[in-house]
Amino acid sequence: MMTSARTRHANAALSALIVLQVTMLGALFAQSAPHPPATIPLFAIAPFLGAALSTATAAIVLGPLDTASGRVLSVLAALMALLSYGPQKYLDAQFALIWPAVIAGQVAAVAVIGLAITAPPRRSNQ
C-alpha cells in the first residue's frame, strides 16, 4: 500500500511534535534554561509529555489519516502539544527564548488538525 502525500505530511507534522516534546522533556530533566516547569496546577509535566509523545506515536503507527482512530489520535496529539506550544505562550515571560519552538509547534499542530479533519474516509477493500 502506497503512502499518500497527505499521510506523509501528517506523519512529518506528528514527528515534528514528537521531536519538540522530546526536546522539552530533555530540557526539563537537564534543567537547562529555558525548561518547562516540573508541574502545573493540573499535573506534572513529564508524565503529560510521556502521554503526548505516546499519543503522537500511536497516531503514526495507526496511520494518522487512514482510520477514524488514527485521525482521533492525531487531533488529540496536536491538542496535547498545544498545551506546550499554544497561543497562550505569546504571553509567557520567556517567549523571547522559546518562540522558535512555539511557532514550529503551532504550525505542526495546525497541519495535523487540518489534515485529519479534511481527510476523506477510507473504504475497506475487504
N, C-alpha and C. Protein backbone atom coordinates (compact mmCIF):
# COMPACT_ATOMS: atom_id res chain seq x y z
N MET A 1 0.84 -1.18 0.00
CA MET A 1 0.00 0.00 0.00
C MET A 1 0.89 1.24 0.00
N MET A 2 0.66 2.11 -0.95
CA MET A 2 1.46 3.33 -1.04
C MET A 2 0.95 4.37 -0.03
N THR A 3 1.89 5.10 0.53
CA THR A 3 1.54 6.17 1.46
C THR A 3 1.26 7.43 0.65
N SER A 4 0.13 8.04 0.92
CA SER A 4 -0.23 9.24 0.18
C SER A 4 0.60 10.42 0.67
N ALA A 5 0.66 11.46 -0.15
CA ALA A 5 1.37 12.68 0.23
C ALA A 5 0.76 13.29 1.48
N ARG A 6 -0.56 13.24 1.60
CA ARG A 6 -1.23 13.79 2.79
C ARG A 6 -0.81 13.03 4.04
N THR A 7 -0.70 11.72 3.94
CA THR A 7 -0.28 10.92 5.09
C THR A 7 1.17 11.23 5.45
N ARG A 8 2.03 11.37 4.45
CA ARG A 8 3.42 11.74 4.72
C ARG A 8 3.50 13.09 5.41
N HIS A 9 2.67 14.04 4.98
CA HIS A 9 2.65 15.36 5.62
C HIS A 9 2.18 15.25 7.07
N ALA A 10 1.16 14.45 7.31
CA ALA A 10 0.67 14.26 8.68
C ALA A 10 1.73 13.59 9.54
N ASN A 11 2.39 12.57 9.00
CA ASN A 11 3.46 11.90 9.73
C ASN A 11 4.60 12.87 10.02
N ALA A 12 4.93 13.72 9.08
CA ALA A 12 6.00 14.70 9.29
C ALA A 12 5.62 15.69 10.40
N ALA A 13 4.39 16.17 10.39
CA ALA A 13 3.95 17.11 11.41
C ALA A 13 3.91 16.45 12.79
N LEU A 14 3.42 15.22 12.86
CA LEU A 14 3.43 14.49 14.13
C LEU A 14 4.86 14.24 14.60
N SER A 15 5.74 13.92 13.69
CA SER A 15 7.14 13.71 14.04
C SER A 15 7.77 15.00 14.57
N ALA A 16 7.41 16.13 13.98
CA ALA A 16 7.91 17.41 14.48
C ALA A 16 7.45 17.64 15.91
N LEU A 17 6.19 17.33 16.20
CA LEU A 17 5.69 17.47 17.56
C LEU A 17 6.43 16.54 18.51
N ILE A 18 6.72 15.34 18.07
CA ILE A 18 7.47 14.39 18.91
C ILE A 18 8.85 14.94 19.22
N VAL A 19 9.56 15.42 18.21
CA VAL A 19 10.91 15.96 18.44
C VAL A 19 10.87 17.16 19.38
N LEU A 20 9.91 18.06 19.18
CA LEU A 20 9.79 19.22 20.07
C LEU A 20 9.53 18.78 21.51
N GLN A 21 8.65 17.82 21.70
CA GLN A 21 8.31 17.38 23.05
C GLN A 21 9.44 16.59 23.71
N VAL A 22 10.18 15.81 22.94
CA VAL A 22 11.35 15.11 23.49
C VAL A 22 12.40 16.13 23.91
N THR A 23 12.56 17.19 23.11
CA THR A 23 13.49 18.26 23.47
C THR A 23 13.07 18.93 24.78
N MET A 24 11.78 19.20 24.92
CA MET A 24 11.28 19.79 26.17
C MET A 24 11.53 18.87 27.35
N LEU A 25 11.27 17.59 27.16
CA LEU A 25 11.47 16.63 28.23
C LEU A 25 12.94 16.58 28.62
N GLY A 26 13.82 16.59 27.63
CA GLY A 26 15.25 16.61 27.91
C GLY A 26 15.68 17.86 28.66
N ALA A 27 15.14 19.01 28.26
CA ALA A 27 15.46 20.26 28.95
C ALA A 27 14.95 20.24 30.38
N LEU A 28 13.78 19.64 30.58
CA LEU A 28 13.23 19.52 31.93
C LEU A 28 14.14 18.67 32.80
N PHE A 29 14.53 17.50 32.29
CA PHE A 29 15.39 16.61 33.07
C PHE A 29 16.76 17.22 33.33
N ALA A 30 17.32 17.91 32.32
CA ALA A 30 18.63 18.53 32.48
C ALA A 30 18.57 19.86 33.22
N GLN A 31 17.37 20.39 33.35
CA GLN A 31 17.13 21.71 33.95
C GLN A 31 17.97 22.79 33.27
N SER A 32 18.07 22.69 31.94
CA SER A 32 18.76 23.72 31.18
C SER A 32 17.73 24.77 30.77
N ALA A 33 18.10 26.02 30.95
CA ALA A 33 17.17 27.13 30.66
C ALA A 33 17.00 27.30 29.16
N PRO A 34 15.83 27.65 28.71
CA PRO A 34 14.58 27.66 29.46
C PRO A 34 13.96 26.27 29.43
N HIS A 35 13.63 25.76 30.56
CA HIS A 35 12.98 24.46 30.63
C HIS A 35 11.56 24.64 31.15
N PRO A 36 10.68 23.70 30.82
CA PRO A 36 9.30 23.82 31.29
C PRO A 36 9.25 23.62 32.81
N PRO A 37 8.23 24.12 33.43
CA PRO A 37 8.08 23.85 34.87
C PRO A 37 7.84 22.36 35.09
N ALA A 38 8.27 21.87 36.22
CA ALA A 38 8.09 20.45 36.51
C ALA A 38 6.62 20.10 36.71
N THR A 39 5.84 21.06 37.23
CA THR A 39 4.42 20.84 37.45
C THR A 39 3.64 22.08 37.06
N ILE A 40 2.38 21.86 36.75
CA ILE A 40 1.42 22.95 36.56
C ILE A 40 0.24 22.60 37.46
N PRO A 41 -0.73 23.49 37.64
CA PRO A 41 -1.81 23.19 38.58
C PRO A 41 -2.55 21.87 38.33
N LEU A 42 -2.58 21.40 37.10
CA LEU A 42 -3.35 20.19 36.79
C LEU A 42 -2.57 18.89 36.96
N PHE A 43 -1.25 18.91 36.72
CA PHE A 43 -0.46 17.68 36.71
C PHE A 43 1.02 17.99 36.58
N ALA A 44 1.84 16.94 36.69
CA ALA A 44 3.27 17.06 36.44
C ALA A 44 3.51 17.02 34.93
N ILE A 45 4.48 17.76 34.48
CA ILE A 45 4.72 17.90 33.04
C ILE A 45 5.33 16.63 32.43
N ALA A 46 6.28 15.99 33.09
CA ALA A 46 6.94 14.82 32.48
C ALA A 46 5.94 13.71 32.13
N PRO A 47 5.04 13.33 33.05
CA PRO A 47 4.07 12.30 32.65
C PRO A 47 3.14 12.77 31.52
N PHE A 48 2.79 14.05 31.53
CA PHE A 48 1.96 14.56 30.44
C PHE A 48 2.69 14.48 29.11
N LEU A 49 3.98 14.87 29.11
CA LEU A 49 4.75 14.77 27.87
C LEU A 49 4.85 13.33 27.40
N GLY A 50 5.00 12.39 28.36
CA GLY A 50 5.01 10.98 28.00
C GLY A 50 3.71 10.56 27.33
N ALA A 51 2.59 11.02 27.87
CA ALA A 51 1.29 10.70 27.27
C ALA A 51 1.15 11.34 25.89
N ALA A 52 1.60 12.58 25.76
CA ALA A 52 1.52 13.27 24.46
C ALA A 52 2.40 12.58 23.43
N LEU A 53 3.60 12.20 23.83
CA LEU A 53 4.50 11.50 22.91
C LEU A 53 3.93 10.15 22.48
N SER A 54 3.37 9.43 23.42
CA SER A 54 2.81 8.12 23.06
C SER A 54 1.57 8.26 22.18
N THR A 55 0.79 9.31 22.39
CA THR A 55 -0.38 9.54 21.54
C THR A 55 0.03 9.85 20.11
N ALA A 56 1.04 10.71 19.94
CA ALA A 56 1.52 11.03 18.59
C ALA A 56 2.12 9.80 17.92
N THR A 57 2.86 9.01 18.68
CA THR A 57 3.45 7.80 18.11
C THR A 57 2.37 6.81 17.69
N ALA A 58 1.35 6.64 18.53
CA ALA A 58 0.25 5.74 18.19
C ALA A 58 -0.46 6.21 16.92
N ALA A 59 -0.63 7.52 16.77
CA ALA A 59 -1.27 8.05 15.56
C ALA A 59 -0.45 7.69 14.32
N ILE A 60 0.87 7.81 14.42
CA ILE A 60 1.73 7.47 13.28
C ILE A 60 1.62 5.98 12.97
N VAL A 61 1.65 5.14 13.99
CA VAL A 61 1.58 3.68 13.79
C VAL A 61 0.26 3.28 13.14
N LEU A 62 -0.85 3.86 13.60
CA LEU A 62 -2.16 3.52 13.04
C LEU A 62 -2.39 4.12 11.65
N GLY A 63 -1.65 5.14 11.34
CA GLY A 63 -1.88 5.89 10.10
C GLY A 63 -2.72 7.10 10.46
N PRO A 64 -2.12 8.28 10.49
CA PRO A 64 -2.81 9.46 11.01
C PRO A 64 -4.07 9.85 10.24
N LEU A 65 -4.18 9.40 9.00
CA LEU A 65 -5.35 9.75 8.19
C LEU A 65 -6.09 8.52 7.69
N ASP A 66 -5.58 7.33 8.01
CA ASP A 66 -6.10 6.10 7.42
C ASP A 66 -7.36 5.57 8.08
N THR A 67 -7.51 5.80 9.38
CA THR A 67 -8.65 5.26 10.11
C THR A 67 -9.23 6.35 11.01
N ALA A 68 -10.43 6.11 11.48
CA ALA A 68 -11.04 7.07 12.41
C ALA A 68 -10.19 7.17 13.68
N SER A 69 -9.71 6.03 14.17
CA SER A 69 -8.90 6.08 15.39
C SER A 69 -7.58 6.80 15.15
N GLY A 70 -6.99 6.64 13.98
CA GLY A 70 -5.77 7.36 13.65
C GLY A 70 -6.00 8.86 13.59
N ARG A 71 -7.13 9.26 13.01
CA ARG A 71 -7.46 10.70 12.94
C ARG A 71 -7.73 11.27 14.33
N VAL A 72 -8.45 10.53 15.16
CA VAL A 72 -8.75 11.00 16.53
C VAL A 72 -7.45 11.15 17.31
N LEU A 73 -6.57 10.15 17.23
CA LEU A 73 -5.30 10.24 17.94
C LEU A 73 -4.44 11.38 17.41
N SER A 74 -4.49 11.63 16.11
CA SER A 74 -3.72 12.73 15.53
C SER A 74 -4.18 14.07 16.09
N VAL A 75 -5.49 14.28 16.10
CA VAL A 75 -6.03 15.53 16.63
C VAL A 75 -5.73 15.65 18.12
N LEU A 76 -5.88 14.55 18.85
CA LEU A 76 -5.59 14.57 20.28
C LEU A 76 -4.12 14.90 20.53
N ALA A 77 -3.22 14.31 19.76
CA ALA A 77 -1.79 14.60 19.90
C ALA A 77 -1.50 16.07 19.64
N ALA A 78 -2.14 16.63 18.62
CA ALA A 78 -1.93 18.05 18.30
C ALA A 78 -2.46 18.94 19.42
N LEU A 79 -3.64 18.61 19.94
CA LEU A 79 -4.21 19.40 21.03
C LEU A 79 -3.34 19.30 22.30
N MET A 80 -2.82 18.12 22.56
CA MET A 80 -1.94 17.97 23.72
C MET A 80 -0.66 18.79 23.54
N ALA A 81 -0.15 18.83 22.33
CA ALA A 81 1.05 19.63 22.07
C ALA A 81 0.78 21.12 22.26
N LEU A 82 -0.44 21.53 21.96
CA LEU A 82 -0.76 22.96 22.11
C LEU A 82 -0.75 23.43 23.56
N LEU A 83 -0.78 22.50 24.50
CA LEU A 83 -0.60 22.89 25.90
C LEU A 83 0.79 23.52 26.06
N SER A 84 1.76 22.97 25.36
CA SER A 84 3.12 23.49 25.44
C SER A 84 3.41 24.59 24.41
N TYR A 85 2.71 24.58 23.29
CA TYR A 85 3.06 25.47 22.18
C TYR A 85 1.91 26.35 21.71
N GLY A 86 0.83 26.39 22.45
CA GLY A 86 -0.35 27.13 22.02
C GLY A 86 -0.19 28.64 22.12
N PRO A 87 -1.21 29.36 21.69
CA PRO A 87 -1.17 30.82 21.67
C PRO A 87 -0.94 31.45 23.04
N GLN A 88 -1.25 30.73 24.12
CA GLN A 88 -1.01 31.27 25.45
C GLN A 88 0.48 31.53 25.69
N LYS A 89 1.34 30.90 24.92
CA LYS A 89 2.78 31.08 25.08
C LYS A 89 3.26 32.45 24.64
N TYR A 90 2.44 33.16 23.85
CA TYR A 90 2.81 34.53 23.46
C TYR A 90 2.87 35.44 24.68
N LEU A 91 2.17 35.07 25.76
CA LEU A 91 2.16 35.85 26.99
C LEU A 91 3.19 35.36 28.00
N ASP A 92 3.90 34.30 27.69
CA ASP A 92 4.90 33.74 28.59
C ASP A 92 6.08 34.71 28.73
N ALA A 93 6.55 34.86 29.95
CA ALA A 93 7.67 35.78 30.22
C ALA A 93 8.93 35.38 29.44
N GLN A 94 9.06 34.11 29.09
CA GLN A 94 10.25 33.65 28.37
C GLN A 94 10.01 33.50 26.87
N PHE A 95 8.98 34.13 26.35
CA PHE A 95 8.64 33.96 24.94
C PHE A 95 9.82 34.29 24.03
N ALA A 96 10.60 35.30 24.37
CA ALA A 96 11.75 35.67 23.53
C ALA A 96 12.75 34.52 23.40
N LEU A 97 12.76 33.62 24.36
CA LEU A 97 13.67 32.48 24.33
C LEU A 97 13.06 31.24 23.69
N ILE A 98 11.74 31.14 23.70
CA ILE A 98 11.10 29.89 23.27
C ILE A 98 10.31 30.02 21.96
N TRP A 99 10.30 31.22 21.36
CA TRP A 99 9.43 31.44 20.20
C TRP A 99 9.68 30.47 19.03
N PRO A 100 10.91 30.04 18.75
CA PRO A 100 11.05 29.10 17.62
C PRO A 100 10.26 27.80 17.85
N ALA A 101 10.31 27.28 19.06
CA ALA A 101 9.57 26.05 19.36
C ALA A 101 8.07 26.30 19.34
N VAL A 102 7.65 27.45 19.85
CA VAL A 102 6.22 27.78 19.88
C VAL A 102 5.67 27.87 18.45
N ILE A 103 6.37 28.58 17.61
CA ILE A 103 5.90 28.73 16.21
C ILE A 103 5.91 27.39 15.49
N ALA A 104 7.00 26.62 15.64
CA ALA A 104 7.07 25.31 14.98
C ALA A 104 5.98 24.39 15.51
N GLY A 105 5.74 24.40 16.80
CA GLY A 105 4.69 23.57 17.38
C GLY A 105 3.31 23.94 16.88
N GLN A 106 3.06 25.24 16.77
CA GLN A 106 1.76 25.68 16.28
C GLN A 106 1.55 25.30 14.82
N VAL A 107 2.57 25.48 14.01
CA VAL A 107 2.46 25.12 12.59
C VAL A 107 2.20 23.61 12.46
N ALA A 108 2.95 22.81 13.19
CA ALA A 108 2.76 21.36 13.11
C ALA A 108 1.38 20.95 13.62
N ALA A 109 0.95 21.53 14.73
CA ALA A 109 -0.37 21.18 15.28
C ALA A 109 -1.49 21.57 14.32
N VAL A 110 -1.41 22.76 13.75
CA VAL A 110 -2.44 23.19 12.80
C VAL A 110 -2.44 22.28 11.58
N ALA A 111 -1.26 21.89 11.12
CA ALA A 111 -1.18 20.99 9.96
C ALA A 111 -1.83 19.65 10.28
N VAL A 112 -1.52 19.09 11.43
CA VAL A 112 -2.10 17.79 11.81
C VAL A 112 -3.61 17.89 11.89
N ILE A 113 -4.10 18.90 12.60
CA ILE A 113 -5.56 19.05 12.76
C ILE A 113 -6.23 19.26 11.41
N GLY A 114 -5.67 20.13 10.59
CA GLY A 114 -6.25 20.39 9.27
C GLY A 114 -6.28 19.15 8.40
N LEU A 115 -5.19 18.41 8.38
CA LEU A 115 -5.13 17.19 7.56
C LEU A 115 -6.10 16.13 8.09
N ALA A 116 -6.17 15.98 9.41
CA ALA A 116 -7.06 14.96 9.98
C ALA A 116 -8.53 15.29 9.74
N ILE A 117 -8.88 16.56 9.86
CA ILE A 117 -10.28 16.96 9.70
C ILE A 117 -10.72 16.85 8.24
N THR A 118 -9.82 17.14 7.32
CA THR A 118 -10.19 17.13 5.90
C THR A 118 -9.89 15.80 5.20
N ALA A 119 -9.39 14.82 5.96
CA ALA A 119 -9.07 13.52 5.35
C ALA A 119 -10.35 12.82 4.90
N PRO A 120 -10.37 12.37 3.66
CA PRO A 120 -11.57 11.63 3.22
C PRO A 120 -11.60 10.27 3.91
N PRO A 121 -12.80 9.78 4.20
CA PRO A 121 -12.89 8.46 4.83
C PRO A 121 -12.33 7.38 3.91
N ARG A 122 -11.63 6.43 4.48
CA ARG A 122 -11.05 5.33 3.68
C ARG A 122 -12.07 4.21 3.59
N ARG A 123 -12.16 3.65 2.41
CA ARG A 123 -13.05 2.49 2.21
C ARG A 123 -12.24 1.22 2.33
N SER A 124 -12.79 0.27 2.99
CA SER A 124 -12.12 -1.02 3.15
C SER A 124 -12.22 -1.82 1.85
N ASN A 125 -11.15 -2.53 1.51
CA ASN A 125 -11.14 -3.37 0.31
C ASN A 125 -11.58 -4.79 0.62
N GLN A 126 -12.04 -5.03 1.82
CA GLN A 126 -12.40 -6.38 2.22
C GLN A 126 -13.83 -6.68 1.92
